[in-house]
Amino acid sequence: MGRLEEMRRRRRRRFRIRVAVVVTVMALVAAGASVYELSAGSSTGRVSPVSSPPARLGAAGGPGPSGRDQTIQATTRPSPYGIQSSWVVAENNRPGTTDWQIVGTPPGQIAGFADQTSASQGQAVGLYVTTDASTFQVEAYRMGWYHGAGARLVWTSAPIQGVTQPSCPVQAITHMVACDNWAKSLTVTIGPAFVQGDYLLKLVGSGGQASYVPLTVTDPASHAAYLVENDIYTWQAWNDYGGYDFYAGEGSCPTGVYPICSRARVVSFDRPYHYGQGGGDFLGNEYPLVRFAEEHGLDVTYETSANLQQDPASILRHRALLSLGHDECWSYHERLAAQAAEAAGVNMIFFGASPVLRHVRLESSPLGADRQEVDYRDSSADPLDATGPAREVTGNTWSDAPANWSEVPFTGAQYTGYVRPGEAPVPYVVYDGSSWLFDGTGLTTGSRIPGLLVSDFDQVRPGLSPANVQILAHSPMPLNEVQTNVSDPASDTSYYTDAKSGAGVFDSGTVTWIPDLSSSPLVNRMTGNLLALFGTGPAGQVQPSVANWQAVYGG
């Protein structure tokens, strides 16, 4: 897998350009551009412009003084796009603003991080900011739909004196970059104005400087149908602030040796994100789904990867776990929690390719618990090797020794490769047009959606995937245009149901499903069908999977 992975970093940089285009499209929509939906009964994928406001239930059950009150007051009902909650509808009927956006390249310099990745009401969050501005303010935006504006301003700080913080040291051996030597700039109390959800804290300097700090505001009492997981482990894995992340680092290394020697073995949440304008992977790989869910008033609540590890039982309070973005980095206890929930009937949606591929664990930092993420990607170099639990030792992947715990029986498909940088996107090809996933789309077996598949893809693997896995889409990937270790590469959208619990498990087969929500009405309709089924309870009780992989791969 060495050559495959060496090229992934270059591919990811190209993918971030695509993400920037997605954000631009969302900005155009917020400015009043037409929204499109599939024409009813269309068999060609043609679309017609329609208005697309969120469904409205009026003010009843609207936001209360806390996330907990919302859970008590809210009423729910089914809709074509999933289980709808009155409080989410009411929240997104409130006035929004496009001021959250950072347009172009701001002047000067400002960056920061929070000492918590998530918080609930009543907690305090410390912000650490470095800037060349004389003063700056913090604007807290709850991200959602808000009549197309995309966010609502909930809080603004007083002006704060700007300072240039010291450089962040790099640890020898682990190459961890940590900015825990910075002075705290301010403390934000998560008060009643902070309705549970995904937030971008916008740092705005007096000279026009701007960047983001992401924060998830949780509601520990929520029993919402959908639990949205912000994939902070993978955000941080690709964060090269200070020159190092899990995939690359500064300095020379022997050629042809993988993983690259200069990479970080430990990465710290005590530093800003060096990409996504400070927001990490949120805007491109996660926000389109958040926006979709809130536009349609869906019964959602939000947690991070770390929350799933810290409170494993939280997944059991919901009907479906939504794994967003490029969710490749999982810890042992997060995985235990998710697989226990699936065995108890909680549905799983893997919106991005290569889920549960990488093996990480958390450690404390000087700023708090679970602030350092460990992934040696070489079990022999991990200090826990031969001394700690085998499934805490970080090998290159979960399938490698000493964990020896393939993710494929859980996710349904295996990460197989990616479209090389510079190659054209590959069409998405429907394999089972009779499936519930394609209801109302006009798509039939053999229908193609051009330009949908870019970057990573997953594939059903006989002998590893569950025996009852159903292939919903099978998109052959041109062998001369992808980086892969198999002779028959394909992107498979797969679905299987647990024979005992009835839980459904869906793997989109592509890392671009969520970004494609911003441009493809067909992906919007399929996502609605998926959430409508998975929001009602164990999907296998309604739509048990029907094995068809033999017709594709033999056996």
Protein backbone atom coordinates (compact mmCIF):
# COMPACT_ATOMS: atom_id res chain seq x y z
CA MET A 1 0.00 0.00 0.00
CA GLY A 2 3.07 2.26 0.06
CA ARG A 3 2.82 3.88 -3.37
CA LEU A 4 -0.94 4.13 -2.97
CA GLU A 5 -0.56 6.16 0.20
CA GLU A 6 2.38 8.29 -0.95
CA MET A 7 0.13 9.80 -3.61
CA ARG A 8 -2.87 10.31 -1.34
CA ARG A 9 -1.54 13.56 0.06
CA ARG A 10 -1.14 15.12 -3.39
CA ARG A 11 -4.61 13.86 -4.28
CA ARG A 12 -6.05 15.40 -1.11
CA ARG A 13 -4.66 18.82 -2.00
CA ARG A 14 -6.50 18.59 -5.31
CA PHE A 15 -9.63 17.54 -3.45
CA ARG A 16 -9.41 20.67 -1.29
CA ILE A 17 -9.63 22.75 -4.47
CA ARG A 18 -12.87 20.91 -5.26
CA VAL A 19 -14.04 21.68 -1.72
CA ALA A 20 -13.38 25.39 -2.30
CA VAL A 21 -15.61 25.20 -5.36
CA VAL A 22 -18.32 23.55 -3.25
CA VAL A 23 -18.16 26.37 -0.72
CA THR A 24 -18.44 28.90 -3.56
CA VAL A 25 -21.54 27.13 -4.87
CA MET A 26 -23.11 27.28 -1.42
CA ALA A 27 -22.35 30.99 -1.26
CA LEU A 28 -24.11 31.49 -4.60
CA VAL A 29 -27.14 29.62 -3.30
CA ALA A 30 -27.12 31.83 -0.20
CA ALA A 31 -27.04 34.86 -2.49
CA GLY A 32 -30.23 33.74 -4.19
CA ALA A 33 -29.22 31.37 -6.97
CA SER A 34 -31.79 28.77 -8.03
CA VAL A 35 -32.05 25.47 -6.18
CA TYR A 36 -32.79 22.44 -8.33
CA GLU A 37 -34.68 19.22 -7.76
CA LEU A 38 -35.28 16.23 -10.00
CA SER A 39 -38.42 16.50 -12.10
CA ALA A 40 -40.99 13.95 -11.00
CA GLY A 41 -40.95 10.85 -13.15
CA SER A 42 -37.80 11.84 -15.01
CA SER A 43 -35.79 8.93 -16.35
CA THR A 44 -32.97 11.04 -17.73
CA GLY A 45 -31.80 12.90 -14.67
CA ARG A 46 -32.99 16.23 -16.11
CA VAL A 47 -33.77 18.87 -13.49
CA SER A 48 -36.05 21.84 -13.31
CA PRO A 49 -35.64 24.93 -11.11
CA VAL A 50 -37.91 25.13 -8.09
CA SER A 51 -37.89 27.07 -4.87
CA SER A 52 -36.73 25.00 -1.94
CA PRO A 53 -37.53 26.56 1.46
CA PRO A 54 -37.44 24.43 4.58
CA ALA A 55 -40.70 22.84 5.65
CA ARG A 56 -42.43 24.95 8.28
CA LEU A 57 -44.35 23.89 11.33
CA GLY A 58 -44.70 27.33 12.88
CA ALA A 59 -43.25 28.45 16.18
CA ALA A 60 -44.56 25.60 18.32
CA GLY A 61 -41.79 23.52 19.79
CA GLY A 62 -39.18 26.08 18.79
CA PRO A 63 -35.84 26.62 20.44
CA GLY A 64 -36.04 26.80 24.19
CA PRO A 65 -33.42 28.15 26.57
CA SER A 66 -31.27 25.03 26.24
CA GLY A 67 -30.71 22.00 24.07
CA ARG A 68 -32.31 19.87 26.78
CA ASP A 69 -35.49 21.95 26.69
CA GLN A 70 -35.57 21.53 22.91
CA THR A 71 -35.48 17.77 23.28
CA ILE A 72 -38.44 17.88 25.67
CA GLN A 73 -40.51 20.34 23.63
CA ALA A 74 -39.87 19.10 20.12
CA THR A 75 -42.39 17.13 18.10
CA THR A 76 -41.37 14.89 15.23
CA ARG A 77 -43.00 13.59 12.08
CA PRO A 78 -41.90 11.70 8.95
CA SER A 79 -41.11 13.62 5.78
CA PRO A 80 -39.79 12.64 2.33
CA TYR A 81 -36.29 13.54 3.52
CA GLY A 82 -36.35 11.85 6.92
CA ILE A 83 -37.75 12.30 10.41
CA GLN A 84 -38.45 15.98 10.92
CA SER A 85 -38.28 17.84 14.25
CA SER A 86 -40.29 20.97 14.99
CA TRP A 87 -37.42 22.63 16.87
CA VAL A 88 -35.01 22.26 13.93
CA VAL A 89 -37.62 23.68 11.57
CA ALA A 90 -38.26 26.60 13.91
CA GLU A 91 -34.54 27.20 14.44
CA ASN A 92 -33.88 27.43 10.72
CA ASN A 93 -36.80 29.80 10.23
CA ARG A 94 -34.91 32.33 12.35
CA PRO A 95 -33.00 35.10 10.55
CA GLY A 96 -29.64 34.03 9.15
CA THR A 97 -26.68 35.87 7.71
CA THR A 98 -23.95 35.31 5.13
CA ASP A 99 -21.47 37.28 7.26
CA TRP A 100 -20.01 33.99 8.47
CA GLN A 101 -18.25 33.51 5.14
CA ILE A 102 -14.59 34.36 4.62
CA VAL A 103 -14.33 35.65 1.07
CA GLY A 104 -11.02 35.62 -0.81
CA THR A 105 -7.73 35.85 1.06
CA PRO A 106 -7.97 38.16 4.07
CA PRO A 107 -5.00 40.43 4.83
CA GLY A 108 -2.60 39.89 7.70
CA GLN A 109 -2.62 36.93 10.00
CA ILE A 110 -4.98 35.47 12.59
CA ALA A 111 -5.39 31.88 13.79
CA GLY A 112 -6.61 30.14 16.89
CA PHE A 113 -7.85 27.00 18.59
CA ALA A 114 -10.23 26.06 21.39
CA ASP A 115 -9.22 24.02 24.42
CA GLN A 116 -12.25 21.80 23.86
CA THR A 117 -13.47 20.22 20.63
CA SER A 118 -17.04 20.14 21.97
CA ALA A 119 -19.02 21.62 24.84
CA SER A 120 -22.54 21.61 26.20
CA GLN A 121 -24.50 24.44 27.77
CA GLY A 122 -23.00 25.77 30.98
CA GLN A 123 -19.44 24.84 30.08
CA ALA A 124 -16.60 27.27 29.41
CA VAL A 125 -14.32 27.10 26.37
CA GLY A 126 -10.90 28.77 26.27
CA LEU A 127 -9.71 30.33 23.00
CA TYR A 128 -6.04 30.77 22.14
CA VAL A 129 -5.43 33.27 19.33
CA THR A 130 -2.37 34.65 17.57
CA THR A 131 -2.70 37.67 15.28
CA ASP A 132 -0.97 40.73 13.90
CA ALA A 133 -4.18 42.73 14.39
CA SER A 134 -4.19 45.35 17.14
CA THR A 135 -7.58 44.03 18.30
CA PHE A 136 -9.94 41.24 17.27
CA GLN A 137 -13.43 39.96 18.01
CA VAL A 138 -15.01 36.51 18.02
CA GLU A 139 -18.31 35.92 16.23
CA ALA A 140 -20.08 32.61 16.98
CA TYR A 141 -22.16 31.25 14.09
CA ARG A 142 -24.46 28.26 14.32
CA MET A 143 -24.22 26.50 10.96
CA GLY A 144 -27.37 25.33 9.20
CA TRP A 145 -29.80 26.49 6.51
CA TYR A 146 -31.48 29.71 7.69
CA HIS A 147 -33.36 30.46 4.44
CA GLY A 148 -30.18 29.84 2.44
CA ALA A 149 -27.94 32.24 4.37
CA GLY A 150 -26.19 29.23 5.90
CA ALA A 151 -25.67 30.34 9.50
CA ARG A 152 -27.06 32.39 12.38
CA LEU A 153 -25.00 34.75 14.53
CA VAL A 154 -25.60 33.85 18.17
CA TRP A 155 -22.88 35.74 20.06
CA THR A 156 -20.14 38.34 19.59
CA SER A 157 -17.29 39.06 21.98
CA ALA A 158 -16.06 42.46 23.07
CA PRO A 159 -12.88 43.69 21.32
CA ILE A 160 -9.80 41.84 22.56
CA GLN A 161 -6.21 43.00 22.35
CA GLY A 162 -4.31 41.09 19.70
CA VAL A 163 -0.96 39.46 20.40
CA THR A 164 1.51 37.46 18.36
CA GLN A 165 1.92 34.19 20.26
CA PRO A 166 5.28 32.38 20.40
CA SER A 167 6.16 29.73 17.84
CA CYS A 168 4.89 26.24 18.60
CA PRO A 169 7.65 23.76 19.48
CA VAL A 170 8.10 20.46 17.66
CA GLN A 171 8.80 17.42 19.78
CA ALA A 172 11.79 15.32 18.72
CA ILE A 173 10.87 11.62 17.94
CA THR A 174 7.05 12.10 17.66
CA HIS A 175 7.25 15.34 15.59
CA MET A 176 4.19 16.60 17.46
CA VAL A 177 3.51 20.32 17.06
CA ALA A 178 1.69 21.75 20.07
CA CYS A 179 0.84 25.37 20.88
CA ASP A 180 0.16 24.77 24.57
CA ASN A 181 2.77 27.48 25.21
CA TRP A 182 0.29 30.13 24.05
CA ALA A 183 -1.50 32.42 26.50
CA LYS A 184 -5.28 32.12 26.67
CA SER A 185 -6.95 35.02 24.83
CA LEU A 186 -10.49 34.71 26.22
CA THR A 187 -13.04 32.32 27.67
CA VAL A 188 -16.42 31.74 26.04
CA THR A 189 -19.25 30.50 28.24
CA ILE A 190 -21.68 28.28 26.35
CA GLY A 191 -24.86 30.01 27.48
CA PRO A 192 -28.52 29.70 26.46
CA ALA A 193 -27.88 31.43 23.11
CA PHE A 194 -25.75 28.50 21.98
CA VAL A 195 -28.38 26.12 20.64
CA GLN A 196 -26.89 22.66 20.15
CA GLY A 197 -25.28 22.26 16.72
CA ASP A 198 -22.14 22.77 14.69
CA TYR A 199 -20.45 26.15 15.14
CA LEU A 200 -17.77 28.18 13.47
CA LEU A 201 -16.20 30.75 15.74
CA LYS A 202 -15.03 33.44 13.33
CA LEU A 203 -11.95 35.37 14.44
CA VAL A 204 -12.16 38.88 12.95
CA GLY A 205 -9.13 41.19 13.23
CA SER A 206 -9.32 44.99 13.21
CA GLY A 207 -7.33 45.03 9.97
CA GLY A 208 -9.63 42.61 8.13
CA GLN A 209 -7.90 39.41 9.28
CA ALA A 210 -10.23 36.40 9.48
CA SER A 211 -10.19 32.68 10.22
CA TYR A 212 -12.32 30.02 11.93
CA VAL A 213 -12.24 27.85 15.02
CA PRO A 214 -14.72 24.91 14.85
CA LEU A 215 -16.76 23.88 17.90
CA THR A 216 -19.50 21.29 18.39
CA VAL A 217 -22.18 22.20 20.93
CA THR A 218 -23.73 18.99 22.21
CA ASP A 219 -26.95 18.09 23.99
CA PRO A 220 -26.24 15.07 26.24
CA ALA A 221 -29.98 14.58 26.83
CA SER A 222 -30.91 14.34 23.16
CA HIS A 223 -32.76 11.34 21.76
CA ALA A 224 -32.86 12.70 18.21
CA ALA A 225 -33.33 10.25 15.37
CA TYR A 226 -29.99 11.16 13.78
CA LEU A 227 -26.66 11.49 15.55
CA VAL A 228 -24.28 13.50 13.35
CA GLU A 229 -20.61 12.73 14.03
CA ASN A 230 -18.05 15.46 13.33
CA ASP A 231 -14.92 13.56 12.31
CA ILE A 232 -12.34 15.52 14.29
CA TYR A 233 -9.84 12.64 14.38
CA THR A 234 -9.38 12.74 10.61
CA TRP A 235 -9.47 16.56 10.57
CA GLN A 236 -6.48 16.55 12.89
CA ALA A 237 -4.71 13.70 11.12
CA TRP A 238 -4.39 15.89 8.00
CA ASN A 239 -3.64 19.13 9.88
CA ASP A 240 -0.07 20.16 9.01
CA TYR A 241 0.00 23.35 11.11
CA GLY A 242 3.65 23.76 12.06
CA GLY A 243 4.78 21.49 9.23
CA TYR A 244 3.74 18.03 10.44
CA ASP A 245 0.76 15.67 10.27
CA PHE A 246 0.30 11.90 10.07
CA TYR A 247 1.14 11.82 6.37
CA ALA A 248 4.06 14.20 5.89
CA GLY A 249 6.60 16.35 7.67
CA GLU A 250 9.62 18.54 7.15
CA GLY A 251 13.02 17.13 6.27
CA SER A 252 14.29 14.47 3.89
CA CYS A 253 13.44 10.78 3.97
CA PRO A 254 14.56 7.74 1.99
CA THR A 255 12.67 7.38 -1.27
CA GLY A 256 10.36 4.41 -1.73
CA VAL A 257 9.90 3.89 2.01
CA TYR A 258 6.40 4.19 3.44
CA PRO A 259 5.13 5.59 5.73
CA ILE A 260 7.37 8.62 5.25
CA CYS A 261 9.91 8.95 8.06
CA SER A 262 9.33 12.66 8.76
CA ARG A 263 5.62 12.31 9.54
CA ALA A 264 4.17 13.04 12.98
CA ARG A 265 3.46 10.09 15.27
CA VAL A 266 1.33 12.25 17.56
CA VAL A 267 -0.75 15.27 16.56
CA SER A 268 -2.21 17.83 18.93
CA PHE A 269 -5.57 19.56 19.12
CA ASP A 270 -3.68 22.36 20.88
CA ARG A 271 -3.02 24.18 17.60
CA PRO A 272 -5.02 25.87 14.82
CA TYR A 273 -6.13 24.04 11.70
CA HIS A 274 -3.88 24.92 8.79
CA TYR A 275 -6.56 24.33 6.17
CA GLY A 276 -10.24 25.04 5.61
CA GLN A 277 -9.59 28.67 6.65
CA GLY A 278 -9.05 27.30 10.15
CA GLY A 279 -12.15 25.11 10.02
CA GLY A 280 -10.39 21.86 9.13
CA ASP A 281 -12.50 19.52 7.01
CA PHE A 282 -15.82 20.92 8.19
CA LEU A 283 -16.83 23.24 5.36
CA GLY A 284 -16.16 20.90 2.46
CA ASN A 285 -16.61 17.39 3.80
CA GLU A 286 -19.30 17.90 6.44
CA TYR A 287 -21.16 21.18 6.18
CA PRO A 288 -23.17 20.30 3.01
CA LEU A 289 -24.79 17.42 4.92
CA VAL A 290 -25.40 19.60 7.99
CA ARG A 291 -26.97 22.24 5.75
CA PHE A 292 -29.10 19.56 4.02
CA ALA A 293 -30.35 18.12 7.32
CA GLU A 294 -31.24 21.52 8.75
CA GLU A 295 -32.84 22.71 5.50
CA HIS A 296 -35.25 19.80 5.72
CA GLY A 297 -35.80 20.23 9.46
CA LEU A 298 -34.45 16.79 10.32
CA ASP A 299 -34.33 15.53 13.89
CA VAL A 300 -30.56 15.86 14.40
CA THR A 301 -28.10 16.23 17.20
CA TYR A 302 -24.32 16.63 17.02
CA GLU A 303 -21.27 15.00 18.59
CA THR A 304 -17.60 14.54 17.74
CA SER A 305 -15.52 11.40 17.33
CA ALA A 306 -14.18 12.00 20.84
CA ASN A 307 -17.71 12.24 22.29
CA LEU A 308 -18.49 8.76 20.95
CA GLN A 309 -15.45 7.44 22.80
CA GLN A 310 -16.12 9.37 26.01
CA ASP A 311 -19.82 8.46 26.18
CA PRO A 312 -20.28 5.17 24.28
CA ALA A 313 -23.91 4.81 25.35
CA SER A 314 -24.81 8.06 23.60
CA ILE A 315 -25.16 6.26 20.25
CA LEU A 316 -27.84 3.99 21.72
CA ARG A 317 -30.12 6.99 22.26
CA HIS A 318 -30.51 7.47 18.49
CA ARG A 319 -31.76 5.54 15.47
CA ALA A 320 -28.88 6.25 13.12
CA LEU A 321 -25.25 7.30 13.39
CA LEU A 322 -24.14 9.54 10.52
CA SER A 323 -20.41 9.26 9.86
CA LEU A 324 -19.50 12.36 7.87
CA GLY A 325 -16.68 13.42 5.59
CA HIS A 326 -13.51 11.40 5.26
CA ASP A 327 -13.96 9.42 8.47
CA GLU A 328 -10.90 7.18 8.23
CA CYS A 329 -9.44 7.60 11.75
CA TRP A 330 -11.16 5.68 14.55
CA SER A 331 -10.13 4.89 18.10
CA TYR A 332 -10.66 1.51 19.73
CA HIS A 333 -13.33 2.70 22.16
CA GLU A 334 -15.16 4.69 19.47
CA ARG A 335 -15.28 1.57 17.33
CA LEU A 336 -16.45 -0.60 20.21
CA ALA A 337 -19.26 1.86 20.89
CA ALA A 338 -20.40 2.01 17.25
CA GLN A 339 -20.34 -1.74 16.71
CA ALA A 340 -22.20 -2.36 19.97
CA ALA A 341 -24.84 0.14 18.84
CA GLU A 342 -25.16 -1.58 15.46
CA ALA A 343 -25.61 -4.91 17.24
CA ALA A 344 -28.41 -3.24 19.26
CA GLY A 345 -30.25 -2.06 16.13
CA VAL A 346 -28.79 1.41 15.50
CA ASN A 347 -28.35 2.08 11.79
CA MET A 348 -24.96 3.19 10.45
CA ILE A 349 -24.35 5.55 7.51
CA PHE A 350 -20.81 5.93 6.19
CA PHE A 351 -21.13 8.92 3.88
CA GLY A 352 -17.42 8.94 3.00
CA ALA A 353 -15.07 6.32 1.59
CA SER A 354 -12.33 4.66 3.67
CA PRO A 355 -14.23 4.73 6.98
CA VAL A 356 -12.61 3.05 10.00
CA LEU A 357 -9.39 2.51 8.04
CA ARG A 358 -6.83 4.13 10.37
CA HIS A 359 -6.24 3.22 14.00
CA VAL A 360 -5.72 6.06 16.49
CA ARG A 361 -5.90 6.59 20.24
CA LEU A 362 -6.11 9.68 22.46
CA GLU A 363 -3.86 11.01 25.21
CA SER A 364 -4.00 14.02 27.52
CA SER A 365 -2.12 17.25 26.86
CA PRO A 366 -1.20 20.05 29.28
CA LEU A 367 -4.51 21.70 28.33
CA GLY A 368 -6.75 18.75 29.11
CA ALA A 369 -7.86 15.19 28.51
CA ASP A 370 -8.00 13.68 25.02
CA ARG A 371 -6.08 16.54 23.40
CA GLN A 372 -3.40 14.44 21.67
CA GLU A 373 -4.05 11.90 18.92
CA VAL A 374 -1.61 9.01 18.49
CA ASP A 375 -1.00 7.02 15.32
CA TYR A 376 2.49 5.58 14.85
CA ARG A 377 1.33 3.72 11.72
CA ASP A 378 4.05 1.24 12.63
CA SER A 379 3.22 -1.06 15.51
CA SER A 380 6.89 -1.83 16.27
CA ALA A 381 7.52 1.88 16.94
CA ASP A 382 4.47 2.34 19.18
CA PRO A 383 5.48 2.37 22.88
CA LEU A 384 2.42 0.22 23.63
CA ASP A 385 3.63 -2.59 21.38
CA ALA A 386 4.11 -5.79 23.40
CA THR A 387 3.14 -3.97 26.62
CA GLY A 388 -0.39 -2.67 26.05
CA PRO A 389 -3.68 -4.06 24.71
CA ALA A 390 -3.17 -5.26 21.13
CA ARG A 391 -6.12 -3.25 19.83
CA GLU A 392 -4.74 -0.03 21.27
CA VAL A 393 -1.43 -0.41 19.38
CA THR A 394 -1.42 1.74 16.24
CA GLY A 395 -0.38 -0.22 13.19
CA ASN A 396 -0.78 1.12 9.66
CA THR A 397 -4.45 0.09 9.45
CA TRP A 398 -6.98 -1.73 11.63
CA SER A 399 -6.43 -4.83 9.51
CA ASP A 400 -2.73 -4.94 10.33
CA ALA A 401 -1.12 -6.68 13.30
CA PRO A 402 -1.41 -6.61 16.21
CA ALA A 403 -5.03 -5.37 15.99
CA ASN A 404 -5.94 -7.75 13.13
CA TRP A 405 -9.47 -6.35 13.14
CA SER A 406 -10.65 -5.64 9.60
CA GLU A 407 -13.28 -2.93 9.35
CA VAL A 408 -14.92 -4.51 6.27
CA PRO A 409 -17.33 -6.88 8.09
CA PHE A 410 -18.61 -3.74 9.87
CA THR A 411 -18.61 -1.13 7.09
CA GLY A 412 -19.55 -3.54 4.31
CA ALA A 413 -16.85 -2.46 1.85
CA GLN A 414 -13.11 -1.88 1.71
CA TYR A 415 -11.06 1.18 0.80
CA THR A 416 -9.52 0.27 -2.56
CA GLY A 417 -7.93 3.38 -4.05
CA TYR A 418 -8.49 6.84 -5.47
CA VAL A 419 -8.76 8.73 -8.73
CA ARG A 420 -5.33 10.15 -9.55
CA PRO A 421 -4.86 13.94 -9.47
CA GLY A 422 -5.51 15.43 -12.88
CA GLU A 423 -7.82 12.67 -14.06
CA ALA A 424 -11.44 13.39 -14.92
CA PRO A 425 -14.21 12.50 -12.44
CA VAL A 426 -15.75 9.07 -13.01
CA PRO A 427 -19.50 8.51 -13.58
CA TYR A 428 -21.64 6.97 -10.84
CA VAL A 429 -23.42 3.88 -12.24
CA VAL A 430 -26.65 2.48 -10.78
CA TYR A 431 -26.51 -1.30 -10.38
CA ASP A 432 -29.81 -2.12 -8.67
CA GLY A 433 -32.34 0.39 -9.95
CA SER A 434 -35.16 -1.32 -8.04
CA SER A 435 -33.62 -0.34 -4.70
CA TRP A 436 -35.33 2.03 -2.29
CA LEU A 437 -32.27 4.29 -2.59
CA PHE A 438 -33.34 5.40 -6.06
CA ASP A 439 -37.05 5.94 -5.40
CA GLY A 440 -38.26 9.15 -7.02
CA THR A 441 -35.02 9.75 -8.90
CA GLY A 442 -36.02 8.32 -12.27
CA LEU A 443 -32.78 6.34 -12.20
CA THR A 444 -32.86 2.75 -13.41
CA THR A 445 -30.32 -0.05 -13.60
CA GLY A 446 -27.45 1.17 -15.76
CA SER A 447 -28.22 4.89 -15.32
CA ARG A 448 -25.10 7.03 -15.07
CA ILE A 449 -24.57 10.28 -13.18
CA PRO A 450 -21.58 11.99 -14.84
CA GLY A 451 -18.76 13.58 -12.89
CA LEU A 452 -19.73 12.29 -9.46
CA LEU A 453 -16.75 10.18 -8.36
CA VAL A 454 -13.52 11.92 -7.39
CA SER A 455 -10.80 10.84 -4.99
CA ASP A 456 -11.19 7.82 -2.62
CA PHE A 457 -13.52 4.91 -3.29
CA ASP A 458 -14.67 1.74 -1.48
CA GLN A 459 -15.41 -1.67 -2.98
CA VAL A 460 -17.27 -4.78 -1.85
CA ARG A 461 -14.76 -7.59 -1.24
CA PRO A 462 -16.10 -11.18 -1.29
CA GLY A 463 -14.93 -13.09 1.72
CA LEU A 464 -14.58 -9.93 3.80
CA SER A 465 -17.86 -8.09 3.21
CA PRO A 466 -20.99 -9.51 4.91
CA ALA A 467 -22.54 -12.40 2.97
CA ASN A 468 -25.85 -10.54 2.57
CA VAL A 469 -24.37 -7.31 1.25
CA GLN A 470 -26.37 -5.69 -1.52
CA ILE A 471 -24.62 -3.59 -4.17
CA LEU A 472 -26.79 -0.60 -5.03
CA ALA A 473 -24.35 1.12 -7.38
CA HIS A 474 -21.31 -0.38 -9.07
CA SER A 475 -19.08 2.12 -10.86
CA PRO A 476 -16.06 0.60 -12.61
CA MET A 477 -12.97 2.77 -12.16
CA PRO A 478 -10.59 3.07 -15.15
CA LEU A 479 -7.48 1.14 -14.17
CA ASN A 480 -5.17 3.63 -15.92
CA GLU A 481 -6.71 6.59 -14.08
CA VAL A 482 -6.73 5.39 -10.49
CA GLN A 483 -4.18 4.40 -7.87
CA THR A 484 -5.10 0.96 -6.56
CA ASN A 485 -3.76 -2.45 -5.61
CA VAL A 486 -6.59 -4.46 -7.21
CA SER A 487 -7.14 -5.50 -10.82
CA ASP A 488 -10.87 -4.77 -10.95
CA PRO A 489 -11.28 -1.40 -9.17
CA ALA A 490 -14.80 -0.11 -8.64
CA SER A 491 -16.72 2.24 -6.42
CA ASP A 492 -19.56 0.28 -4.79
CA THR A 493 -22.47 1.82 -2.92
CA SER A 494 -23.29 -1.01 -0.54
CA TYR A 495 -26.00 -1.89 1.97
CA TYR A 496 -26.43 -4.78 4.37
CA THR A 497 -28.68 -5.50 7.33
CA ASP A 498 -27.81 -7.24 10.57
CA ALA A 499 -29.70 -10.54 10.76
CA LYS A 500 -30.13 -10.28 14.54
CA SER A 501 -30.64 -6.58 15.30
CA GLY A 502 -32.08 -5.48 11.97
CA ALA A 503 -29.70 -2.52 11.79
CA GLY A 504 -28.88 -1.26 8.33
CA VAL A 505 -25.34 -0.31 7.32
CA PHE A 506 -24.78 1.93 4.29
CA ASP A 507 -21.44 2.78 2.66
CA SER A 508 -21.61 5.38 -0.12
CA GLY A 509 -18.44 4.06 -1.74
CA THR A 510 -17.11 7.56 -2.47
CA VAL A 511 -15.51 10.35 -0.45
CA THR A 512 -17.40 12.99 -2.47
CA TRP A 513 -21.00 12.07 -1.59
CA ILE A 514 -21.36 14.98 0.85
CA PRO A 515 -19.66 17.60 -1.37
CA ASP A 516 -21.88 16.42 -4.25
CA LEU A 517 -24.96 17.39 -2.20
CA SER A 518 -24.17 20.99 -3.14
CA SER A 519 -24.45 20.39 -6.88
CA SER A 520 -26.39 17.18 -7.58
CA PRO A 521 -30.18 16.99 -7.12
CA LEU A 522 -29.95 13.24 -7.60
CA VAL A 523 -27.60 12.86 -4.63
CA ASN A 524 -30.00 15.06 -2.64
CA ARG A 525 -32.93 12.76 -3.45
CA MET A 526 -30.95 9.60 -2.67
CA THR A 527 -29.81 11.12 0.64
CA GLY A 528 -33.43 11.88 1.51
CA ASN A 529 -34.42 8.29 0.77
CA LEU A 530 -31.57 7.01 2.90
CA LEU A 531 -32.39 9.20 5.89
CA ALA A 532 -36.12 8.50 5.58
CA LEU A 533 -35.49 4.75 5.86
CA PHE A 534 -32.78 4.88 8.51
CA GLY A 535 -34.64 7.37 10.71
CA THR A 536 -37.55 5.05 11.44
CA GLY A 537 -35.64 2.37 13.33
CA PRO A 538 -33.72 -0.76 12.30
CA ALA A 539 -33.75 -0.56 8.51
CA GLY A 540 -33.70 -4.33 8.08
CA GLN A 541 -37.17 -4.58 9.56
CA VAL A 542 -38.47 -2.58 6.58
CA GLN A 543 -35.93 -3.17 3.81
CA PRO A 544 -33.77 -6.23 4.49
CA SER A 545 -30.75 -6.38 2.22
CA VAL A 546 -30.83 -8.85 -0.65
CA ALA A 547 -27.41 -10.25 -1.54
CA ASN A 548 -26.48 -9.61 -5.17
CA TRP A 549 -22.70 -9.32 -5.03
CA GLN A 550 -22.29 -12.75 -6.60
CA ALA A 551 -23.57 -11.41 -9.92
CA VAL A 552 -20.83 -8.76 -9.86
CA TYR A 553 -17.87 -10.63 -8.39
CA GLY A 554 -18.84 -14.30 -8.74
CA GLY A 555 -19.18 -16.83 -5.97
